[in-house]
Amino acid sequence: MAEFLLALRTQTFMQNAVIVGLLASAACAMIGPYVVVKRITFISGGISHAVLGGMGIAYFLNREPLAGALAAAVAAALIIGLVSLRARQREDTIIGALWAVGMAIGIVFMHKTPGYQVDLMNYLFGNILLVDRGHIYLTIILNAGILAAVLLFYKRFLGICFDEEFTRIQGVQVELFYLLLLCLTALTVVILVQVVGIILVIALLTLPAATAGHYSRSLKQMMAIALLVGAACTTGGLALSYPYDLPSGATIVLVAGAVYLASTVLNRLVRRGARAARKDRRRG
């Protein structure tokens, strides 16, 4: 811990990593609860893996990889969303296709990038220690867009997640807002790619929100708790990985997984104790 605190005070790369980690936690806190409640984790996985195709093409064209990731993520979200709405029986097929083909396209274009070889491990498993100020500014912009959409359309997203038919009866364009929710998920995926990589995006997107679900009675509470859990996991993962020279993205996800597992066990024990207490009161 002392090494991590020293690096945090003196090293710019560690300061950037913590800032991006906190911004990623905020994005997860806003979108993760929708993903968990709506049960679209598999869709999020398809989007996250399709991102590699956009990054590979951007590298090949000598463009910013995150710009390619953003374009690919939004395109994948719209394709999956439209197929889901128009041809539900083929939704899993198109998700699997985008998942596999997106990664294959990315690997091919990165392999053919002239001049140098790209380290795929940085994108597959992330390297938060390599982010710079440009990444931070882009993350702030994406976070601002996600926050604005969530504040403007909170009730509509809430209706889509819990009762689509009632929301449609109220005159809300459910399909449009469903596609918007998927696009916001895509933006969050782009933010997370630089933190934990493509492979581990789903974990950080869902685990803090799922942990928060154990202690919240409303979606707003779930978001607030998910923010605290996500911030603790990203910062704790960095603090644990730095002195032991562990992969930062994988360590962050392991911390998040451990927190979720401990929370699940504790939640079950508390519920079991509460049920036992109620039975004792009835007998008394």
Protein backbone atom coordinates (compact mmCIF):
# COMPACT_ATOMS: atom_id res chain seq x y z
CA MET A 1 0.00 0.00 0.00
CA ALA A 2 2.88 2.39 0.83
CA GLU A 3 4.35 1.89 -2.65
CA PHE A 4 0.99 2.62 -4.25
CA LEU A 5 0.49 5.82 -2.21
CA LEU A 6 4.00 7.00 -3.05
CA ALA A 7 3.41 6.37 -6.76
CA LEU A 8 0.05 8.14 -6.51
CA ARG A 9 1.75 11.25 -5.09
CA THR A 10 4.72 11.32 -7.44
CA GLN A 11 3.88 9.48 -10.66
CA THR A 12 1.65 11.00 -13.33
CA PHE A 13 0.75 7.62 -14.84
CA MET A 14 -0.71 6.43 -11.53
CA GLN A 15 -2.66 9.65 -11.07
CA ASN A 16 -4.10 9.24 -14.58
CA ALA A 17 -4.97 5.62 -13.84
CA VAL A 18 -6.89 6.48 -10.67
CA ILE A 19 -8.76 9.31 -12.41
CA VAL A 20 -9.81 7.08 -15.31
CA GLY A 21 -10.74 4.34 -12.86
CA LEU A 22 -13.05 6.68 -10.96
CA LEU A 23 -14.59 7.97 -14.19
CA ALA A 24 -15.14 4.38 -15.35
CA SER A 25 -16.80 3.61 -12.01
CA ALA A 26 -19.17 6.53 -12.56
CA ALA A 27 -20.09 5.28 -16.03
CA CYS A 28 -20.67 1.76 -14.69
CA ALA A 29 -22.82 3.13 -11.87
CA MET A 30 -25.08 4.91 -14.37
CA ILE A 31 -25.43 2.11 -16.95
CA GLY A 32 -24.61 -1.08 -15.04
CA PRO A 33 -27.91 -1.16 -13.08
CA TYR A 34 -29.87 -0.94 -16.34
CA VAL A 35 -27.80 -3.77 -17.82
CA VAL A 36 -28.37 -5.94 -14.74
CA VAL A 37 -32.08 -5.18 -14.33
CA LYS A 38 -32.83 -5.44 -18.06
CA ARG A 39 -30.70 -8.60 -18.28
CA ILE A 40 -28.78 -7.52 -21.37
CA THR A 41 -25.37 -8.69 -20.17
CA PHE A 42 -24.96 -10.97 -23.20
CA ILE A 43 -25.73 -8.05 -25.52
CA SER A 44 -23.09 -6.00 -23.69
CA GLY A 45 -20.61 -8.81 -24.27
CA GLY A 46 -21.31 -8.79 -28.00
CA ILE A 47 -20.78 -5.02 -28.14
CA SER A 48 -17.55 -5.17 -26.14
CA HIS A 49 -15.95 -7.81 -28.37
CA ALA A 50 -17.05 -6.13 -31.60
CA VAL A 51 -15.06 -3.09 -30.43
CA LEU A 52 -11.78 -4.79 -31.34
CA GLY A 53 -12.74 -4.65 -35.04
CA GLY A 54 -13.06 -0.87 -34.94
CA MET A 55 -9.81 -0.52 -33.04
CA GLY A 56 -7.97 -2.71 -35.53
CA ILE A 57 -9.24 -0.73 -38.52
CA ALA A 58 -8.33 2.56 -36.79
CA TYR A 59 -4.80 1.29 -36.14
CA PHE A 60 -4.43 0.21 -39.74
CA LEU A 61 -5.56 3.66 -40.95
CA ASN A 62 -3.27 5.38 -38.42
CA ARG A 63 -6.20 6.86 -36.52
CA GLU A 64 -6.97 7.04 -32.79
CA PRO A 65 -7.93 3.50 -31.66
CA LEU A 66 -10.56 4.73 -29.19
CA ALA A 67 -12.33 6.58 -32.01
CA GLY A 68 -12.53 3.30 -33.92
CA ALA A 69 -13.75 1.59 -30.76
CA LEU A 70 -16.49 4.20 -30.33
CA ALA A 71 -17.71 3.82 -33.92
CA ALA A 72 -17.67 0.01 -33.74
CA ALA A 73 -19.42 -0.07 -30.36
CA VAL A 74 -22.29 2.19 -31.45
CA ALA A 75 -22.67 0.31 -34.75
CA ALA A 76 -22.76 -3.03 -32.93
CA ALA A 77 -25.31 -1.69 -30.43
CA LEU A 78 -27.63 -0.51 -33.19
CA ILE A 79 -27.31 -3.76 -35.18
CA ILE A 80 -27.98 -5.93 -32.14
CA GLY A 81 -30.82 -3.69 -30.99
CA LEU A 82 -32.57 -3.67 -34.35
CA VAL A 83 -32.23 -7.43 -34.76
CA SER A 84 -33.51 -7.91 -31.21
CA LEU A 85 -36.57 -5.78 -31.95
CA ARG A 86 -37.33 -7.13 -35.42
CA ALA A 87 -36.24 -10.78 -35.26
CA ARG A 88 -36.03 -11.93 -31.65
CA GLN A 89 -35.44 -15.57 -32.54
CA ARG A 90 -32.13 -14.65 -34.24
CA GLU A 91 -30.81 -12.31 -31.56
CA ASP A 92 -28.33 -14.77 -30.06
CA THR A 93 -27.01 -15.61 -33.55
CA ILE A 94 -26.23 -12.01 -34.48
CA ILE A 95 -24.64 -11.36 -31.08
CA GLY A 96 -22.40 -14.40 -31.48
CA ALA A 97 -21.52 -13.37 -35.03
CA LEU A 98 -20.59 -9.81 -34.04
CA TRP A 99 -18.67 -11.17 -31.05
CA ALA A 100 -16.50 -13.48 -33.17
CA VAL A 101 -16.26 -11.51 -36.42
CA GLY A 102 -15.48 -8.23 -34.64
CA MET A 103 -12.53 -9.77 -32.82
CA ALA A 104 -11.33 -11.53 -35.97
CA ILE A 105 -11.42 -8.28 -37.99
CA GLY A 106 -9.49 -6.49 -35.25
CA ILE A 107 -6.79 -9.15 -35.06
CA VAL A 108 -6.36 -9.23 -38.87
CA PHE A 109 -6.07 -5.45 -39.24
CA MET A 110 -3.71 -5.13 -36.27
CA HIS A 111 -1.54 -7.88 -37.75
CA LYS A 112 -1.44 -6.01 -41.07
CA THR A 113 -0.68 -2.62 -39.54
CA PRO A 114 2.59 -1.49 -41.18
CA GLY A 115 5.62 -0.47 -39.18
CA TYR A 116 4.98 -2.13 -35.83
CA GLN A 117 3.10 -4.87 -34.07
CA VAL A 118 0.29 -4.02 -31.68
CA ASP A 119 0.25 -5.71 -28.28
CA LEU A 120 -3.18 -7.34 -28.26
CA MET A 121 -2.91 -8.08 -24.54
CA ASN A 122 -3.32 -4.36 -23.75
CA TYR A 123 -6.70 -4.36 -25.47
CA LEU A 124 -7.90 -7.81 -24.50
CA PHE A 125 -7.09 -7.44 -20.80
CA GLY A 126 -6.50 -3.69 -20.48
CA ASN A 127 -3.65 -1.61 -19.16
CA ILE A 128 -4.97 1.31 -17.19
CA LEU A 129 -1.41 2.40 -16.39
CA LEU A 130 -0.92 3.49 -20.02
CA VAL A 131 -3.76 6.03 -20.18
CA ASP A 132 -2.82 9.65 -20.77
CA ARG A 133 -4.54 13.02 -20.50
CA GLY A 134 -6.14 12.57 -23.91
CA HIS A 135 -7.86 9.41 -22.69
CA ILE A 136 -9.02 11.24 -19.57
CA TYR A 137 -10.56 14.09 -21.58
CA LEU A 138 -12.33 11.63 -23.89
CA THR A 139 -13.62 9.70 -20.88
CA ILE A 140 -14.95 12.90 -19.31
CA ILE A 141 -16.81 13.75 -22.53
CA LEU A 142 -18.32 10.26 -22.75
CA ASN A 143 -19.30 10.37 -19.07
CA ALA A 144 -20.96 13.75 -19.57
CA GLY A 145 -22.99 12.38 -22.48
CA ILE A 146 -24.08 9.33 -20.48
CA LEU A 147 -25.00 11.48 -17.46
CA ALA A 148 -27.03 13.90 -19.58
CA ALA A 149 -28.99 11.06 -21.20
CA VAL A 150 -29.65 9.31 -17.89
CA LEU A 151 -30.87 12.53 -16.26
CA LEU A 152 -33.10 13.41 -19.21
CA PHE A 153 -34.61 9.98 -19.78
CA TYR A 154 -34.38 8.32 -16.36
CA LYS A 155 -38.12 7.55 -16.10
CA ARG A 156 -38.31 6.23 -19.65
CA PHE A 157 -35.34 3.92 -19.11
CA LEU A 158 -36.90 2.83 -15.83
CA GLY A 159 -40.14 1.93 -17.59
CA ILE A 160 -38.30 0.01 -20.32
CA CYS A 161 -36.44 -2.06 -17.73
CA PHE A 162 -39.40 -2.91 -15.50
CA ASP A 163 -42.60 -2.74 -17.60
CA GLU A 164 -42.27 -2.26 -21.36
CA GLU A 165 -45.98 -2.72 -22.11
CA PHE A 166 -47.16 -0.12 -19.60
CA THR A 167 -44.49 2.29 -20.83
CA ARG A 168 -45.65 1.75 -24.44
CA ILE A 169 -49.27 2.41 -23.41
CA GLN A 170 -48.17 5.76 -21.99
CA GLY A 171 -47.04 6.81 -25.46
CA VAL A 172 -43.30 6.30 -25.00
CA GLN A 173 -41.37 5.09 -28.07
CA VAL A 174 -39.98 1.99 -26.36
CA GLU A 175 -37.92 0.84 -29.36
CA LEU A 176 -36.19 4.20 -29.70
CA PHE A 177 -35.23 4.41 -26.04
CA TYR A 178 -34.14 0.78 -26.02
CA LEU A 179 -31.71 1.55 -28.84
CA LEU A 180 -30.55 4.65 -26.97
CA LEU A 181 -29.91 2.54 -23.86
CA LEU A 182 -27.82 0.13 -25.93
CA CYS A 183 -25.84 3.06 -27.39
CA LEU A 184 -25.16 4.35 -23.87
CA THR A 185 -24.00 0.85 -22.96
CA ALA A 186 -21.68 1.01 -25.97
CA LEU A 187 -20.20 4.30 -24.74
CA THR A 188 -19.60 2.74 -21.33
CA VAL A 189 -17.89 -0.23 -22.97
CA VAL A 190 -15.49 2.13 -24.77
CA ILE A 191 -14.61 3.75 -21.43
CA LEU A 192 -14.02 0.37 -19.79
CA VAL A 193 -11.86 -1.02 -22.60
CA GLN A 194 -8.99 1.23 -21.51
CA VAL A 195 -9.42 0.16 -17.87
CA VAL A 196 -9.91 -3.62 -17.90
CA GLY A 197 -9.81 -4.52 -21.59
CA ILE A 198 -12.31 -6.12 -23.91
CA ILE A 199 -12.42 -9.55 -22.25
CA LEU A 200 -13.19 -8.23 -18.76
CA VAL A 201 -15.60 -5.40 -19.63
CA ILE A 202 -18.71 -7.39 -18.75
CA ALA A 203 -17.43 -8.11 -15.25
CA LEU A 204 -16.80 -4.48 -14.31
CA LEU A 205 -20.02 -3.37 -15.98
CA THR A 206 -22.17 -5.81 -14.00
CA LEU A 207 -20.44 -6.80 -10.75
CA PRO A 208 -20.65 -3.43 -8.92
CA ALA A 209 -24.28 -3.04 -9.99
CA ALA A 210 -25.11 -6.61 -8.94
CA THR A 211 -23.44 -6.02 -5.58
CA ALA A 212 -25.40 -2.81 -5.14
CA GLY A 213 -28.61 -4.71 -5.87
CA HIS A 214 -28.21 -6.55 -2.56
CA TYR A 215 -28.66 -3.33 -0.58
CA SER A 216 -30.92 -1.07 -2.66
CA ARG A 217 -34.67 -0.69 -2.96
CA SER A 218 -34.69 1.63 -5.95
CA LEU A 219 -32.67 2.14 -9.11
CA LYS A 220 -31.30 5.45 -7.81
CA GLN A 221 -30.00 3.75 -4.67
CA MET A 222 -28.53 1.00 -6.84
CA MET A 223 -26.64 3.59 -8.89
CA ALA A 224 -25.30 5.39 -5.82
CA ILE A 225 -24.07 2.19 -4.17
CA ALA A 226 -22.65 0.88 -7.45
CA LEU A 227 -20.59 4.08 -7.73
CA LEU A 228 -19.05 3.50 -4.29
CA VAL A 229 -18.43 -0.19 -4.98
CA GLY A 230 -16.92 0.49 -8.40
CA ALA A 231 -14.64 3.25 -7.09
CA ALA A 232 -13.45 1.01 -4.25
CA CYS A 233 -12.81 -1.91 -6.61
CA THR A 234 -10.88 0.07 -9.24
CA THR A 235 -8.76 1.91 -6.66
CA GLY A 236 -8.29 -1.23 -4.55
CA GLY A 237 -7.34 -3.25 -7.62
CA LEU A 238 -4.71 -0.68 -8.58
CA ALA A 239 -3.36 -0.58 -5.03
CA LEU A 240 -3.08 -4.37 -4.98
CA SER A 241 -1.63 -4.84 -8.45
CA TYR A 242 1.08 -2.16 -8.34
CA PRO A 243 3.41 -3.46 -5.60
CA TYR A 244 3.08 -7.10 -6.73
CA ASP A 245 3.43 -6.33 -10.47
CA LEU A 246 0.07 -7.92 -11.33
CA PRO A 247 -2.06 -7.16 -14.43
CA SER A 248 -4.09 -4.16 -13.33
CA GLY A 249 -7.28 -4.89 -15.28
CA ALA A 250 -7.48 -8.51 -14.16
CA THR A 251 -6.75 -7.53 -10.55
CA ILE A 252 -9.52 -4.92 -10.58
CA VAL A 253 -12.00 -7.52 -11.80
CA LEU A 254 -10.81 -10.07 -9.23
CA VAL A 255 -11.39 -7.52 -6.47
CA ALA A 256 -14.85 -6.77 -7.85
CA GLY A 257 -15.60 -10.49 -8.04
CA ALA A 258 -14.44 -11.05 -4.45
CA VAL A 259 -16.60 -8.15 -3.24
CA TYR A 260 -19.64 -9.54 -5.08
CA LEU A 261 -19.08 -13.05 -3.72
CA ALA A 262 -18.67 -11.79 -0.15
CA SER A 263 -21.75 -9.60 -0.52
CA THR A 264 -23.81 -12.51 -1.87
CA VAL A 265 -22.83 -14.79 1.02
CA LEU A 266 -23.45 -12.06 3.59
CA ASN A 267 -26.81 -11.20 2.05
CA ARG A 268 -27.93 -14.83 2.19
CA LEU A 269 -26.81 -15.20 5.80
CA VAL A 270 -28.68 -12.04 6.79
CA ARG A 271 -31.84 -13.22 5.03
CA ARG A 272 -31.60 -16.64 6.61
CA GLY A 273 -31.18 -15.05 10.03
CA ALA A 274 -34.14 -12.76 9.41
CA ARG A 275 -36.34 -15.72 8.42
CA ALA A 276 -35.27 -17.64 11.51
CA ALA A 277 -36.04 -14.63 13.71
CA ARG A 278 -39.54 -14.32 12.21
CA LYS A 279 -40.22 -18.01 12.83
CA ASP A 280 -39.10 -17.64 16.45
CA ARG A 281 -41.42 -14.68 16.97
CA ARG A 282 -44.35 -16.64 15.54
CA ARG A 283 -43.65 -19.56 17.83
CA GLY A 284 -43.37 -17.26 20.80
